[in-house]
């Protein structure tokens, strides 16, 4: 999605990434990070919020598993990227082949359905950020078939099995409110995030339903990455993530000044234990 969601030229992309560092530095996380919820819109809208999540890391990760929803293709299960590298204007980013092979062996829910990646931005927008803020890390790109709730269980079980052999950071890629007016988005996102920070998936589903039942004009969803966020909540619970922290929130109206139709963005960290 270079040239659309972020610049296609390395010099311009690096300049934009460097500009994210001009925002205030994130506070240190309260423990060792397990995962992050980060947005996936165009960099001019949500790039600084996503960057803040990566900037908060004080641990080096060999592998970063990025799970995003499918916006364009409907398919069963989870698609796993088949290549050895992903390409960005900053160069090649290696894919963790060992982790990918392990996941494929864990469950039939995983496949290498290449069309899922053809136009999908929900994982790709994270790659240049990983190259800048997590140099040396490999990636495991995963896309869930949107609306495929039965895939969450095998996804979580497989990720927990992978954690037994490899330390990795889980990134759940999701934006928040889609397309209401500014004030509605701010209120709905606040309510959604308050429940998310409690780490209770059942309560999150309840607030999701409650907000949607209020039937705000042009309000399409509380969050687009339902499967990634559910997976992050379950992995966090299994790994005893004692601390869930909101690192940043804003919406597109804060950037463009257009308050009539906005999308919300947040960076949330899931951590366990005390900092090492």
Protein backbone atom coordinates (compact mmCIF):
# COMPACT_ATOMS: atom_id res chain seq x y z
CA UNK A 1 0.00 0.00 0.00
CA UNK A 2 3.02 2.28 -0.39
CA UNK A 3 2.00 5.42 -2.20
CA UNK A 4 -1.45 5.25 -0.64
CA UNK A 5 -1.24 4.54 3.08
CA UNK A 6 2.37 5.72 3.34
CA UNK A 7 4.91 7.25 0.93
CA UNK A 8 6.35 5.05 -1.81
CA UNK A 9 9.77 6.74 -1.75
CA UNK A 10 12.22 5.79 1.01
CA UNK A 11 13.40 9.36 1.63
CA UNK A 12 9.87 10.69 2.03
CA UNK A 13 8.82 7.71 4.15
CA UNK A 14 11.83 8.09 6.45
CA UNK A 15 11.07 11.79 6.89
CA UNK A 16 7.49 10.99 7.86
CA UNK A 17 8.60 8.28 10.29
CA UNK A 18 11.11 10.67 11.83
CA UNK A 19 8.35 13.22 12.31
CA UNK A 20 6.54 10.81 14.62
CA UNK A 21 9.47 11.11 17.03
CA UNK A 22 8.66 14.79 17.51
CA UNK A 23 5.55 13.86 19.50
CA UNK A 24 6.07 13.43 23.27
CA UNK A 25 7.87 10.22 24.19
CA UNK A 26 5.66 7.47 25.60
CA UNK A 27 5.84 6.69 29.27
CA UNK A 28 7.61 3.42 30.20
CA UNK A 29 5.33 0.38 30.22
CA UNK A 30 4.43 -1.10 33.59
CA UNK A 31 5.80 -4.53 32.72
CA UNK A 32 7.07 -6.80 29.98
CA UNK A 33 4.88 -6.32 26.90
CA UNK A 34 2.86 -9.22 25.55
CA UNK A 35 1.00 -7.37 22.87
CA UNK A 36 -0.22 -4.09 21.44
CA UNK A 37 -3.46 -2.88 19.92
CA UNK A 38 -2.49 -0.45 17.15
CA UNK A 39 -4.33 1.26 14.27
CA UNK A 40 -3.84 0.69 10.56
CA UNK A 41 -5.05 3.79 8.72
CA UNK A 42 -2.93 6.00 6.49
CA UNK A 43 0.14 7.36 8.25
CA UNK A 44 -1.06 10.96 8.11
CA UNK A 45 -4.09 9.93 10.18
CA UNK A 46 -2.91 7.23 12.58
CA UNK A 47 0.80 6.79 12.01
CA UNK A 48 1.87 8.78 15.07
CA UNK A 49 -0.47 6.74 17.29
CA UNK A 50 0.82 3.44 15.93
CA UNK A 51 4.41 4.65 16.23
CA UNK A 52 3.82 5.52 19.89
CA UNK A 53 3.07 1.86 20.57
CA UNK A 54 6.33 0.71 19.03
CA UNK A 55 8.24 3.58 20.67
CA UNK A 56 7.00 2.39 24.08
CA UNK A 57 8.91 -0.88 23.76
CA UNK A 58 12.05 -1.27 25.83
CA UNK A 59 12.39 -4.99 25.07
CA UNK A 60 13.90 -6.41 21.90
CA UNK A 61 11.74 -8.96 20.12
CA UNK A 62 13.08 -11.48 17.65
CA UNK A 63 9.61 -11.86 16.16
CA UNK A 64 6.51 -9.70 15.86
CA UNK A 65 3.23 -11.40 14.96
CA UNK A 66 0.89 -8.93 13.26
CA UNK A 67 -2.77 -9.98 13.04
CA UNK A 68 -5.13 -7.88 10.96
CA UNK A 69 -8.67 -8.23 9.62
CA UNK A 70 -9.50 -8.73 5.97
CA UNK A 71 -11.11 -5.67 4.41
CA UNK A 72 -11.45 -7.02 0.88
CA UNK A 73 -11.63 -10.82 0.83
CA UNK A 74 -13.99 -13.16 2.65
CA UNK A 75 -12.40 -16.51 3.43
CA UNK A 76 -12.43 -19.14 6.18
CA UNK A 77 -9.73 -19.33 8.81
CA UNK A 78 -6.48 -17.38 8.96
CA UNK A 79 -4.21 -16.60 6.04
CA UNK A 80 -0.48 -16.71 6.71
CA UNK A 81 1.96 -14.90 4.47
CA UNK A 82 3.89 -17.35 2.31
CA UNK A 83 6.97 -15.36 1.31
CA UNK A 84 10.41 -15.22 2.89
CA UNK A 85 10.36 -11.41 3.08
CA UNK A 86 7.89 -8.57 2.84
CA UNK A 87 8.99 -5.57 0.83
CA UNK A 88 8.63 -1.92 1.77
CA UNK A 89 10.30 1.24 0.43
CA UNK A 90 12.82 0.77 3.27
CA UNK A 91 13.90 -2.65 1.96
CA UNK A 92 13.16 -6.27 2.75
CA UNK A 93 11.72 -7.26 6.13
CA UNK A 94 12.32 -10.96 6.88
CA UNK A 95 9.43 -13.28 7.67
CA UNK A 96 10.00 -15.74 10.54
CA UNK A 97 9.86 -18.99 8.58
CA UNK A 98 10.20 -21.19 11.66
CA UNK A 99 7.19 -19.53 13.32
CA UNK A 100 5.13 -19.72 10.15
CA UNK A 101 5.82 -23.42 9.67
CA UNK A 102 4.99 -24.05 13.32
CA UNK A 103 1.61 -22.30 13.02
CA UNK A 104 0.73 -24.18 9.84
CA UNK A 105 1.37 -27.43 11.68
CA UNK A 106 -0.75 -26.41 14.67
CA UNK A 107 -4.15 -26.07 13.03
CA UNK A 108 -5.97 -26.52 9.74
CA UNK A 109 -7.43 -23.06 10.34
CA UNK A 110 -4.15 -21.67 8.95
CA UNK A 111 -3.53 -21.54 5.22
CA UNK A 112 -1.41 -19.55 2.83
CA UNK A 113 -4.27 -17.88 0.97
CA UNK A 114 -2.30 -15.37 -1.08
CA UNK A 115 -5.29 -13.28 -2.31
CA UNK A 116 -5.88 -12.19 1.28
CA UNK A 117 -2.67 -10.14 1.10
CA UNK A 118 -3.07 -8.74 -2.42
CA UNK A 119 -4.69 -5.43 -1.41
CA UNK A 120 -4.82 -5.71 2.38
CA UNK A 121 -3.37 -2.80 4.38
CA UNK A 122 -4.20 -3.91 7.94
CA UNK A 123 -0.89 -5.69 8.40
CA UNK A 124 1.23 -4.02 5.73
CA UNK A 125 1.11 -0.55 7.29
CA UNK A 126 2.95 -1.94 10.32
CA UNK A 127 5.98 -3.14 8.38
CA UNK A 128 7.84 0.19 7.94
CA UNK A 129 7.13 1.02 11.59
CA UNK A 130 8.66 -2.29 12.63
CA UNK A 131 11.68 -1.64 10.43
CA UNK A 132 12.24 1.73 12.10
CA UNK A 133 11.46 0.97 15.74
CA UNK A 134 12.26 -2.76 16.00
CA UNK A 135 15.32 -3.22 13.76
CA UNK A 136 16.37 -6.84 13.50
CA UNK A 137 12.88 -8.21 14.19
CA UNK A 138 11.21 -10.70 11.89
CA UNK A 139 7.48 -10.68 11.22
CA UNK A 140 4.65 -13.20 11.01
CA UNK A 141 1.85 -11.57 8.98
CA UNK A 142 -1.63 -13.04 9.62
CA UNK A 143 -4.99 -11.99 8.19
CA UNK A 144 -8.27 -13.24 9.61
CA UNK A 145 -11.35 -13.75 7.45
CA UNK A 146 -13.60 -11.00 8.79
CA UNK A 147 -16.63 -12.31 10.65
CA UNK A 148 -14.93 -15.66 11.14
CA UNK A 149 -15.35 -15.85 14.93
CA UNK A 150 -14.74 -19.66 15.02
CA UNK A 151 -11.16 -18.95 13.93
CA UNK A 152 -10.32 -17.17 17.17
CA UNK A 153 -9.95 -20.33 19.24
CA UNK A 154 -7.43 -22.08 16.93
CA UNK A 155 -5.61 -18.79 16.43
CA UNK A 156 -5.21 -18.26 20.17
CA UNK A 157 -4.31 -21.88 20.90
CA UNK A 158 -1.66 -21.82 18.19
CA UNK A 159 -0.20 -18.51 19.36
CA UNK A 160 0.01 -19.78 22.94
CA UNK A 161 1.77 -22.91 21.71
CA UNK A 162 4.20 -20.72 19.77
CA UNK A 163 4.94 -18.70 22.92
CA UNK A 164 6.27 -21.87 24.55
CA UNK A 165 9.09 -22.05 22.03
CA UNK A 166 9.56 -18.43 20.95
CA UNK A 167 9.22 -15.04 22.59
CA UNK A 168 7.24 -12.72 20.34
CA UNK A 169 5.20 -9.55 20.45
CA UNK A 170 1.58 -9.82 19.30
CA UNK A 171 0.21 -6.80 17.44
CA UNK A 172 -3.57 -6.68 16.99
CA UNK A 173 -4.30 -4.30 14.12
CA UNK A 174 -7.60 -2.43 14.43
CA UNK A 175 -9.11 1.01 14.09
CA UNK A 176 -12.01 2.05 16.32
CA UNK A 177 -15.24 3.95 15.49
CA UNK A 178 -15.98 4.13 11.79
CA UNK A 179 -17.53 7.23 10.23
CA UNK A 180 -19.73 8.96 12.83
CA UNK A 181 -19.44 12.64 13.66
CA UNK A 182 -16.53 13.65 15.89
CA UNK A 183 -18.35 13.89 19.24
CA UNK A 184 -20.02 10.51 18.80
CA UNK A 185 -16.70 8.87 17.98
CA UNK A 186 -14.96 10.40 21.00
CA UNK A 187 -17.71 9.24 23.38
CA UNK A 188 -18.15 5.77 21.85
CA UNK A 189 -14.40 5.16 21.69
CA UNK A 190 -14.01 6.28 25.31
CA UNK A 191 -16.65 3.81 26.45
CA UNK A 192 -15.19 1.02 24.34
CA UNK A 193 -11.65 1.62 25.58
CA UNK A 194 -12.73 1.81 29.23
CA UNK A 195 -14.06 -1.73 28.92
CA UNK A 196 -11.12 -2.96 26.85
CA UNK A 197 -8.74 -1.84 29.60
CA UNK A 198 -10.52 -4.24 31.96
CA UNK A 199 -9.44 -7.16 29.77
CA UNK A 200 -12.86 -8.87 29.81
CA UNK A 201 -13.89 -10.07 26.36
CA UNK A 202 -17.50 -10.73 27.39
CA UNK A 203 -17.91 -7.19 28.69
CA UNK A 204 -16.32 -5.87 25.52
CA UNK A 205 -18.91 -7.71 23.43
CA UNK A 206 -21.65 -6.23 25.62
CA UNK A 207 -20.47 -2.65 25.18
CA UNK A 208 -19.97 -3.27 21.46
CA UNK A 209 -23.60 -4.37 21.16
CA UNK A 210 -24.84 -1.53 23.38
CA UNK A 211 -23.09 1.16 21.32
CA UNK A 212 -24.29 -0.29 18.02
CA UNK A 213 -27.85 -0.50 19.35
CA UNK A 214 -27.80 3.26 19.90
CA UNK A 215 -27.86 3.51 16.10
CA UNK A 216 -25.85 6.67 15.62
CA UNK A 217 -26.02 8.00 12.05
CA UNK A 218 -23.18 6.71 9.86
CA UNK A 219 -21.83 4.59 12.72
CA UNK A 220 -20.68 1.30 11.20
CA UNK A 221 -18.65 -0.42 13.92
CA UNK A 222 -16.91 0.11 17.25
CA UNK A 223 -13.78 -1.57 15.87
CA UNK A 224 -12.92 -3.30 12.60
CA UNK A 225 -10.38 -5.80 13.99
CA UNK A 226 -12.75 -7.97 16.00
CA UNK A 227 -10.78 -11.21 15.62
CA UNK A 228 -7.35 -9.61 16.27
CA UNK A 229 -8.59 -7.83 19.41
CA UNK A 230 -10.31 -10.97 20.71
CA UNK A 231 -7.10 -12.92 20.14
CA UNK A 232 -5.07 -10.27 21.99
CA UNK A 233 -7.48 -10.32 24.94
CA UNK A 234 -7.35 -14.12 25.19
CA UNK A 235 -3.59 -14.35 24.83
CA UNK A 236 -3.23 -11.57 27.38
CA UNK A 237 -5.50 -13.38 29.83
CA UNK A 238 -3.69 -16.70 29.37
CA UNK A 239 -0.31 -15.02 29.81
CA UNK A 240 -1.51 -13.08 32.89
CA UNK A 241 -1.26 -9.58 31.48
CA UNK A 242 -1.75 -7.72 34.76
CA UNK A 243 -1.57 -4.29 33.15
CA UNK A 244 -3.49 -2.94 30.16
CA UNK A 245 -2.58 0.67 29.38
CA UNK A 246 -3.97 3.25 27.00
CA UNK A 247 -0.94 4.94 25.43
CA UNK A 248 -2.70 7.26 23.00
CA UNK A 249 -6.04 8.07 21.42
CA UNK A 250 -7.17 10.39 18.66
CA UNK A 251 -9.35 10.28 15.59
CA UNK A 252 -9.07 11.51 12.02
CA UNK A 253 -10.94 14.70 12.88
CA UNK A 254 -8.07 15.73 15.14
CA UNK A 255 -5.79 15.61 12.09
CA UNK A 256 -7.94 16.90 9.24
CA UNK A 257 -10.33 19.20 11.07
CA UNK A 258 -13.24 17.48 9.33
CA UNK A 259 -15.54 16.54 12.22
CA UNK A 260 -18.41 15.23 10.10
CA UNK A 261 -17.08 11.75 9.38
CA UNK A 262 -14.22 10.32 11.45
CA UNK A 263 -12.39 7.11 12.35
CA UNK A 264 -10.91 6.47 15.79
CA UNK A 265 -7.39 5.25 16.62
CA UNK A 266 -5.79 4.00 19.82
CA UNK A 267 -2.54 2.46 21.04
CA UNK A 268 -3.01 0.03 23.93
CA UNK A 269 -0.31 -2.09 25.60
CA UNK A 270 -0.81 -5.43 27.35
CA UNK A 271 2.02 -6.21 29.82
CA UNK A 272 2.87 -8.82 32.44
CA UNK A 273 4.93 -8.53 35.60
CA UNK A 274 7.29 -5.71 36.40
CA UNK A 275 9.87 -4.23 34.06
CA UNK A 276 13.06 -6.26 33.96
